Structures are given as structure tokens and as C-alpha cells.
Amino acid sequence: MPVLLRLLCLGLLVSASTAATSDEHPAVEPPGPDETLVYVIREGKMMGAAGGHWIAVNDNTVGSLRNDNHVILRLPAGIITLNIASGGLPAAAIALDHRGGETIYLLYELGATEFIELDDKRAHKLIRKTDLREPLDEVTPNNEQFAVLMNLSRLGFDVMVPSDGSAEPDAEHAVVTIFRQKDGKNFEFGIWSDSGFVGTLGAREAVTLRLRPGSHFFMAGNLGVTQMRADVEAGKRYYAWLDYGGWIGRVRLTPVLAADADELEKWLSKVTYVTPGPAIDSESVRVREKLVVDYVQQVAEQASRGEIDYNLLGPDSAFP
């Protein structure tokens, strides 16, 4: 793990400094220039609101929320990924990078896939209506960290730009195209390889990349992750479909067989091509990319030892 993120996690100041006040809730000292003060608020007016959620910052789980609660987190400013999860599944996430000296108010509504950042007026109204819940006495690992980091768009990063998808195979390269159909039109999913970020795809989008011959490992995630090994030959084309599982919410990288060429042509006629743009080179993205690639490489090693399952994109999926 990069030293920066390790220091952020070990240096979490999750107990908010307070001062005496006559109000129902104590006053909270404003953040210093090297701190970010975060309120995470959850209302309880909806069905199922009694269930609990865990709050995590980077690789540590630091608090929990229930019906009509709020938590106050005083964090070292820097690279901050904050997510909320329940039952081992990520719910909402946000990047709060380099916001030193700021107080941030985040509202989580049950069933939502993103936080709402509130203005002071609305936030203070909700804080008065909800109970303060103390952060955890001891932090625990954030088991949903990589499921969150794999989807950069969910964190607020817009890293893709239009492309013509015109990559061609040659004597030294194969071409792999990964695409989505119309399912899950309200969601975007990130795709990664053991060498870096591949792309984020919305419904009916596709990304194309050129690869050296040999084995390459791919992953994508939402609720859980999907793995695919690509054994590619120079001069060939390969296609994989990123399938979204509807109400289950899981994704799957599915190789397209060469025998399905007619069906593939219909699918590709409806997609638009995208590719990573200049935003991928920002510090915020590169720090997270290093974490995810290290994770993908670890999973690839497990796959090579036969410890986990994966789909194979191989000779049966080679197109001329």
C-alpha cells in the first residue's frame, strides 16, 4: 500500500473535538488546514431503515450508521475514499481528495448508490434531528475497498472520452474489445487488467485495447467481482461482453465465441466506443490505480494456482 494512504489510515482522528454548548448537540471545532471534517448523516423515514451500515475511509472501517444517526469524522486531508456498505456489499462511495480546512456534509438515503453533499443550512437541520453516533473505538479492515475503487465513476471521476474504436491487430499485437449491451443503463462499471486501468463502460459502450501475445488477466466489479483470463495471439481479434445481472447487481465478463459472429455483429452495431482520456493522469486516479492493479495482480496469482475461478478468452474466441 502506498505510504500516503497508510498514513491516512493510521492517522484517522475519528473522535470529533467538541466544546461545551447549551444546544442538544455539542459544538465541533472547525477543521485545521490539514484536516477534513466529514459528517455522514442517515435519515430514518424509509422502509427498512432499522438496518445498519458500515462507514469506511480508505482501507479501514471507522464507524456505523443506523436509523436517524450521524457520525463525525475528523480526517487528515489528502486522498480520501469514503464508502458505506451493508451485508458485505458497497452502497455508496465518494472521493474527498485534498479538501483541507473544509467541513463536508454527506447524506445517505437507504437504497441510494451515491451520497448527497448538503449545504450548511440543510445539513444543520438534519444534524439537529438525528442522534450523534460515536465512531468505532478500534478500526477494522474495509472489506469493500476494492469493489469501490474499481468503479472510478462512482467516486466522481469522469475519465472516459469518445473514440472511434479503430485499433487493428498486427504481427505483434492482438486486439481485445470489451462491450456492454443495454442492460443496467443507469450504471457504469470499471474494467481493469493486471497492467492497468482499461476503462469505464456505460450501457452500449465499448473499449478496445491492443495487447502483446500471451496471457492477460481482467477484472470488473460491482456487487462482487468477475475475472477473465485472455490468452491472445498476435494478428487476432477477441471480444468479451460485460454482462449486468439486473436486480442482483452483479457483473460478468463473458467471452464471445467465434461461432457467434453473426450475433456479435448485431451487438457491436449498437455500441459507441470510448477510451481513457487525460483525466486518467491525475494524482487522484493514479494513486487509486496503483492500489487496484496490485489487487488484480494478487487475484491473477491466485487464479494461476487454481484457487479461484475465471472465464477464459482463448482460441475459441479468436476472430481473424
Protein backbone atom coordinates (compact mmCIF):
# COMPACT_ATOMS: atom_id res chain seq x y z
CA MET A 1 0.00 0.00 0.00
CA PRO A 2 1.37 3.49 -0.81
CA VAL A 3 2.80 5.26 2.23
CA LEU A 4 0.39 8.16 1.74
CA LEU A 5 -2.70 6.01 2.16
CA ARG A 6 -1.18 4.01 5.02
CA LEU A 7 -0.50 7.21 6.92
CA LEU A 8 -4.00 8.43 6.24
CA CYS A 9 -5.50 5.25 7.61
CA LEU A 10 -3.27 5.03 10.68
CA GLY A 11 -3.71 8.71 11.38
CA LEU A 12 -7.50 8.79 11.37
CA LEU A 13 -8.79 11.11 14.07
CA VAL A 14 -12.29 9.76 14.30
CA SER A 15 -13.29 11.37 17.57
CA ALA A 16 -14.55 14.86 16.91
CA SER A 17 -13.18 17.56 19.17
CA THR A 18 -16.04 19.27 20.97
CA ALA A 19 -16.61 22.30 23.13
CA ALA A 20 -19.28 22.93 25.75
CA THR A 21 -22.57 24.32 24.46
CA SER A 22 -26.15 24.66 25.63
CA ASP A 23 -27.54 23.08 22.46
CA GLU A 24 -28.65 19.44 22.25
CA HIS A 25 -25.51 18.60 20.26
CA PRO A 26 -22.06 19.82 21.30
CA ALA A 27 -20.23 22.32 19.17
CA VAL A 28 -17.49 20.86 17.00
CA GLU A 29 -14.21 22.64 16.45
CA PRO A 30 -13.67 23.55 12.80
CA PRO A 31 -11.05 21.59 10.88
CA GLY A 32 -7.49 22.79 10.66
CA PRO A 33 -5.86 23.46 7.29
CA ASP A 34 -4.56 19.86 7.17
CA GLU A 35 -7.85 18.27 8.24
CA THR A 36 -11.16 17.45 6.58
CA LEU A 37 -14.20 17.28 8.84
CA VAL A 38 -16.90 14.96 7.49
CA TYR A 39 -20.44 14.49 8.75
CA VAL A 40 -22.17 11.36 7.42
CA ILE A 41 -25.93 11.57 8.01
CA ARG A 42 -28.64 8.99 7.59
CA GLU A 43 -32.33 9.76 7.94
CA GLY A 44 -34.79 7.08 9.07
CA LYS A 45 -38.02 7.85 7.29
CA MET A 46 -37.91 4.96 4.84
CA MET A 47 -38.87 1.28 4.95
CA GLY A 48 -36.07 -0.92 6.27
CA ALA A 49 -34.30 1.99 7.94
CA ALA A 50 -33.53 -0.04 11.06
CA GLY A 51 -30.75 -1.92 9.24
CA GLY A 52 -27.20 -0.79 9.89
CA HIS A 53 -24.46 0.40 7.55
CA TRP A 54 -20.71 0.49 7.99
CA ILE A 55 -18.67 3.58 7.12
CA ALA A 56 -15.15 3.15 5.77
CA VAL A 57 -12.33 5.54 4.89
CA ASN A 58 -9.70 4.18 2.51
CA ASP A 59 -8.82 0.70 3.79
CA ASN A 60 -10.36 0.96 7.27
CA THR A 61 -13.93 0.72 8.56
CA VAL A 62 -14.29 3.52 11.07
CA GLY A 63 -17.96 3.84 12.03
CA SER A 64 -21.53 2.66 11.64
CA LEU A 65 -24.88 4.29 10.96
CA ARG A 66 -28.45 3.34 11.75
CA ASN A 67 -31.86 4.98 11.62
CA ASP A 68 -31.66 8.76 12.28
CA ASN A 69 -27.94 8.83 13.08
CA HIS A 70 -24.98 10.91 12.10
CA VAL A 71 -21.25 10.31 12.53
CA ILE A 72 -18.48 12.91 12.63
CA LEU A 73 -15.06 12.02 11.19
CA ARG A 74 -12.01 14.26 11.54
CA LEU A 75 -9.59 13.07 8.85
CA PRO A 76 -6.12 14.04 7.66
CA ALA A 77 -6.58 15.90 4.38
CA GLY A 78 -5.28 14.13 1.29
CA ILE A 79 -6.50 11.19 -0.76
CA ILE A 80 -9.77 10.13 0.87
CA THR A 81 -12.18 7.48 -0.40
CA LEU A 82 -15.25 7.22 1.82
CA ASN A 83 -17.80 4.47 1.35
CA ILE A 84 -20.79 2.99 3.11
CA ALA A 85 -21.67 -0.70 3.00
CA SER A 86 -24.14 -3.22 4.37
CA GLY A 87 -24.06 -7.00 4.41
CA GLY A 88 -20.67 -7.06 2.73
CA LEU A 89 -21.90 -5.04 -0.25
CA PRO A 90 -20.87 -1.45 -1.08
CA ALA A 91 -23.77 1.01 -1.21
CA ALA A 92 -22.40 4.50 -1.91
CA ALA A 93 -18.92 6.00 -2.24
CA ILE A 94 -17.26 9.36 -2.83
CA ALA A 95 -13.77 10.82 -3.25
CA LEU A 96 -12.98 13.73 -0.91
CA ASP A 97 -9.44 14.46 -2.02
CA HIS A 98 -7.39 17.45 -0.87
CA ARG A 99 -10.19 19.30 0.87
CA GLY A 100 -8.16 20.53 3.80
CA GLY A 101 -9.90 23.04 6.07
CA GLU A 102 -13.36 22.05 4.79
CA THR A 103 -16.39 20.71 6.61
CA ILE A 104 -18.32 18.32 4.37
CA TYR A 105 -21.87 17.11 4.99
CA LEU A 106 -22.90 13.86 3.30
CA LEU A 107 -26.42 12.46 3.32
CA TYR A 108 -27.01 8.77 2.67
CA GLU A 109 -30.53 7.66 1.79
CA LEU A 110 -31.35 3.97 2.08
CA GLY A 111 -31.02 2.20 -1.27
CA ALA A 112 -29.03 5.02 -2.89
CA THR A 113 -25.83 4.38 -4.84
CA GLU A 114 -24.29 7.78 -4.13
CA PHE A 115 -24.09 10.35 -1.36
CA ILE A 116 -25.75 13.75 -1.49
CA GLU A 117 -23.44 16.56 -0.44
CA LEU A 118 -25.51 19.05 1.53
CA ASP A 119 -25.27 22.78 2.05
CA ASP A 120 -24.84 24.10 5.59
CA LYS A 121 -28.49 25.01 6.11
CA ARG A 122 -29.97 21.64 5.23
CA ALA A 123 -27.15 19.79 6.96
CA HIS A 124 -27.60 21.60 10.27
CA LYS A 125 -31.33 20.92 10.18
CA LEU A 126 -30.70 17.20 9.76
CA ILE A 127 -27.97 17.14 12.40
CA ARG A 128 -30.41 18.58 14.94
CA LYS A 129 -32.95 15.86 14.04
CA THR A 130 -30.55 12.92 14.23
CA ASP A 131 -28.53 11.33 17.01
CA LEU A 132 -24.75 11.50 17.16
CA ARG A 133 -23.21 8.05 16.85
CA GLU A 134 -19.62 7.69 18.01
CA PRO A 135 -17.02 6.25 15.61
CA LEU A 136 -15.64 2.80 16.32
CA ASP A 137 -13.19 2.53 19.21
CA GLU A 138 -10.98 0.35 17.01
CA VAL A 139 -10.94 0.44 13.23
CA THR A 140 -11.33 -2.77 11.23
CA PRO A 141 -10.39 -3.63 7.62
CA ASN A 142 -12.58 -2.29 4.84
CA ASN A 143 -13.57 -5.46 3.00
CA GLU A 144 -15.36 -3.48 0.27
CA GLN A 145 -12.41 -1.22 -0.59
CA PHE A 146 -11.57 -2.72 -3.98
CA ALA A 147 -15.17 -3.16 -5.12
CA VAL A 148 -15.45 0.60 -4.54
CA LEU A 149 -12.13 1.61 -6.14
CA MET A 150 -12.77 -0.43 -9.28
CA ASN A 151 -15.61 1.90 -10.28
CA LEU A 152 -13.98 5.30 -10.65
CA SER A 153 -17.14 6.95 -11.98
CA ARG A 154 -18.89 6.08 -8.73
CA LEU A 155 -16.29 8.19 -6.94
CA GLY A 156 -16.97 11.14 -9.22
CA PHE A 157 -14.14 10.71 -11.74
CA ASP A 158 -15.08 11.29 -15.39
CA VAL A 159 -12.12 9.66 -17.14
CA MET A 160 -13.52 8.43 -20.47
CA VAL A 161 -13.69 10.27 -23.81
CA PRO A 162 -15.19 9.28 -27.20
CA SER A 163 -13.16 7.02 -29.50
CA ASP A 164 -13.55 5.56 -32.97
CA GLY A 165 -12.54 2.11 -31.74
CA SER A 166 -10.22 1.69 -34.71
CA ALA A 167 -7.40 -0.36 -33.14
CA GLU A 168 -6.08 -3.00 -35.54
CA PRO A 169 -4.23 -6.25 -34.77
CA ASP A 170 -0.81 -6.73 -36.35
CA ALA A 171 2.14 -9.11 -36.27
CA GLU A 172 2.97 -8.09 -32.72
CA HIS A 173 -0.44 -7.33 -31.22
CA ALA A 174 -3.90 -8.75 -30.70
CA VAL A 175 -6.94 -6.52 -30.21
CA VAL A 176 -9.44 -7.10 -27.41
CA THR A 177 -12.80 -5.30 -27.35
CA ILE A 178 -14.96 -5.32 -24.23
CA PHE A 179 -18.52 -4.04 -24.60
CA ARG A 180 -21.82 -3.70 -22.81
CA GLN A 181 -25.36 -4.07 -24.07
CA LYS A 182 -28.36 -2.03 -22.96
CA ASP A 183 -28.76 -3.62 -19.51
CA GLY A 184 -28.05 -1.53 -16.42
CA LYS A 185 -28.37 1.76 -18.27
CA ASN A 186 -28.17 3.78 -15.05
CA PHE A 187 -24.82 2.30 -14.03
CA GLU A 188 -21.20 2.47 -15.17
CA PHE A 189 -18.65 -0.25 -14.41
CA GLY A 190 -14.88 -0.14 -14.37
CA ILE A 191 -12.71 -2.74 -16.12
CA TRP A 192 -9.12 -3.42 -15.09
CA SER A 193 -6.24 -5.61 -16.19
CA ASP A 194 -3.13 -6.80 -14.42
CA SER A 195 -1.27 -3.96 -16.15
CA GLY A 196 -3.64 -1.03 -15.56
CA PHE A 197 -6.99 0.65 -15.97
CA VAL A 198 -8.87 -0.43 -19.10
CA GLY A 199 -11.95 1.75 -18.99
CA THR A 200 -15.33 2.59 -17.52
CA LEU A 201 -18.34 1.48 -19.55
CA GLY A 202 -21.92 2.65 -19.51
CA ALA A 203 -24.73 0.84 -21.31
CA ARG A 204 -23.98 0.19 -25.00
CA GLU A 205 -20.39 1.38 -24.75
CA ALA A 206 -17.21 -0.43 -25.76
CA VAL A 207 -13.48 -0.08 -25.18
CA THR A 208 -10.74 -1.52 -27.38
CA LEU A 209 -7.11 -2.22 -26.48
CA ARG A 210 -4.07 -3.71 -28.20
CA LEU A 211 -2.18 -6.42 -26.33
CA ARG A 212 1.03 -8.34 -26.77
CA PRO A 213 0.58 -12.09 -27.34
CA GLY A 214 0.24 -14.19 -24.19
CA SER A 215 -1.92 -14.22 -21.06
CA HIS A 216 -3.57 -11.14 -19.57
CA PHE A 217 -5.92 -11.01 -16.60
CA PHE A 218 -9.04 -8.81 -16.41
CA MET A 219 -11.43 -7.92 -13.62
CA ALA A 220 -14.57 -5.85 -13.19
CA GLY A 221 -16.74 -5.38 -10.14
CA ASN A 222 -19.93 -4.08 -8.62
CA LEU A 223 -21.52 -6.39 -6.05
CA GLY A 224 -18.66 -8.84 -6.06
CA VAL A 225 -16.10 -9.15 -8.86
CA THR A 226 -15.73 -11.05 -12.12
CA GLN A 227 -12.47 -12.45 -13.52
CA MET A 228 -11.35 -13.32 -17.04
CA ARG A 229 -8.03 -14.58 -18.39
CA ALA A 230 -7.28 -13.65 -22.00
CA ASP A 231 -4.83 -15.91 -23.87
CA VAL A 232 -4.33 -13.95 -27.08
CA GLU A 233 -2.45 -14.48 -30.33
CA ALA A 234 -0.97 -11.69 -32.44
CA GLY A 235 -2.99 -10.76 -35.50
CA LYS A 236 -6.31 -11.85 -33.97
CA ARG A 237 -9.34 -10.03 -32.57
CA TYR A 238 -11.15 -11.02 -29.37
CA TYR A 239 -14.40 -9.83 -27.82
CA ALA A 240 -15.89 -10.02 -24.33
CA TRP A 241 -19.27 -8.91 -23.10
CA LEU A 242 -19.60 -7.23 -19.70
CA ASP A 243 -22.99 -8.51 -18.60
CA TYR A 244 -25.01 -6.84 -15.84
CA GLY A 245 -27.12 -9.11 -13.65
CA GLY A 246 -30.22 -6.93 -13.29
CA TRP A 247 -31.71 -6.75 -9.81
CA ILE A 248 -28.93 -8.98 -8.45
CA GLY A 249 -26.49 -6.23 -9.42
CA ARG A 250 -23.53 -8.46 -10.29
CA VAL A 251 -21.40 -8.16 -13.43
CA ARG A 252 -19.75 -10.87 -15.51
CA LEU A 253 -17.03 -10.79 -18.18
CA THR A 254 -18.22 -13.29 -20.79
CA PRO A 255 -16.04 -14.25 -23.79
CA VAL A 256 -17.75 -14.13 -27.18
CA LEU A 257 -17.15 -17.28 -29.23
CA ALA A 258 -16.09 -17.02 -32.86
CA ALA A 259 -19.11 -19.18 -33.68
CA ASP A 260 -21.33 -16.29 -32.56
CA ALA A 261 -20.00 -13.88 -35.20
CA ASP A 262 -23.45 -13.02 -36.59
CA GLU A 263 -24.81 -12.17 -33.15
CA LEU A 264 -21.67 -10.18 -32.33
CA GLU A 265 -22.13 -8.02 -35.41
CA LYS A 266 -25.63 -7.04 -34.21
CA TRP A 267 -24.37 -6.24 -30.73
CA LEU A 268 -21.49 -4.08 -31.94
CA SER A 269 -23.72 -2.15 -34.35
CA LYS A 270 -25.39 -0.55 -31.33
CA VAL A 271 -22.36 0.46 -29.28
CA THR A 272 -20.31 3.64 -29.15
CA TYR A 273 -16.59 3.46 -28.40
CA VAL A 274 -14.82 5.22 -25.56
CA THR A 275 -11.25 5.34 -24.28
CA PRO A 276 -9.47 6.72 -21.19
CA GLY A 277 -8.83 10.45 -21.54
CA PRO A 278 -6.37 12.93 -19.98
CA ALA A 279 -8.15 12.80 -16.59
CA ILE A 280 -6.65 9.36 -16.03
CA ASP A 281 -3.29 11.04 -15.38
CA SER A 282 -4.47 12.96 -12.31
CA GLU A 283 -2.85 12.17 -8.96
CA SER A 284 -6.21 11.13 -7.51
CA VAL A 285 -6.72 8.49 -10.18
CA ARG A 286 -3.13 7.25 -10.33
CA VAL A 287 -2.96 6.62 -6.56
CA ARG A 288 -6.13 4.54 -6.73
CA GLU A 289 -5.00 2.80 -9.93
CA LYS A 290 -1.86 1.54 -8.17
CA LEU A 291 -3.99 0.02 -5.40
CA VAL A 292 -6.39 -1.69 -7.81
CA VAL A 293 -3.66 -3.04 -10.11
CA ASP A 294 -1.81 -4.52 -7.13
CA TYR A 295 -5.09 -6.19 -6.13
CA VAL A 296 -5.76 -7.52 -9.64
CA GLN A 297 -2.25 -8.95 -9.80
CA GLN A 298 -2.80 -10.73 -6.48
CA VAL A 299 -6.05 -12.23 -7.77
CA ALA A 300 -4.31 -13.26 -11.01
CA GLU A 301 -1.70 -15.13 -8.97
CA GLN A 302 -4.46 -16.92 -7.07
CA ALA A 303 -6.08 -17.85 -10.38
CA SER A 304 -2.79 -19.24 -11.70
CA ARG A 305 -2.64 -21.53 -8.66
CA GLY A 306 -6.19 -22.76 -9.28
CA GLU A 307 -7.56 -21.10 -6.14
CA ILE A 308 -10.30 -19.08 -7.86
CA ASP A 309 -12.44 -19.49 -10.96
CA TYR A 310 -12.32 -17.29 -14.05
CA ASN A 311 -13.64 -17.21 -17.59
CA LEU A 312 -11.22 -17.91 -20.42
CA LEU A 313 -10.97 -15.76 -23.53
CA GLY A 314 -8.92 -18.08 -25.74
CA PRO A 315 -8.66 -19.80 -29.13
CA ASP A 316 -12.40 -20.43 -29.38
CA SER A 317 -12.91 -16.64 -29.23
CA ALA A 318 -10.28 -15.70 -31.83
CA PHE A 319 -11.57 -13.74 -34.83
CA PRO A 320 -9.39 -13.05 -37.91
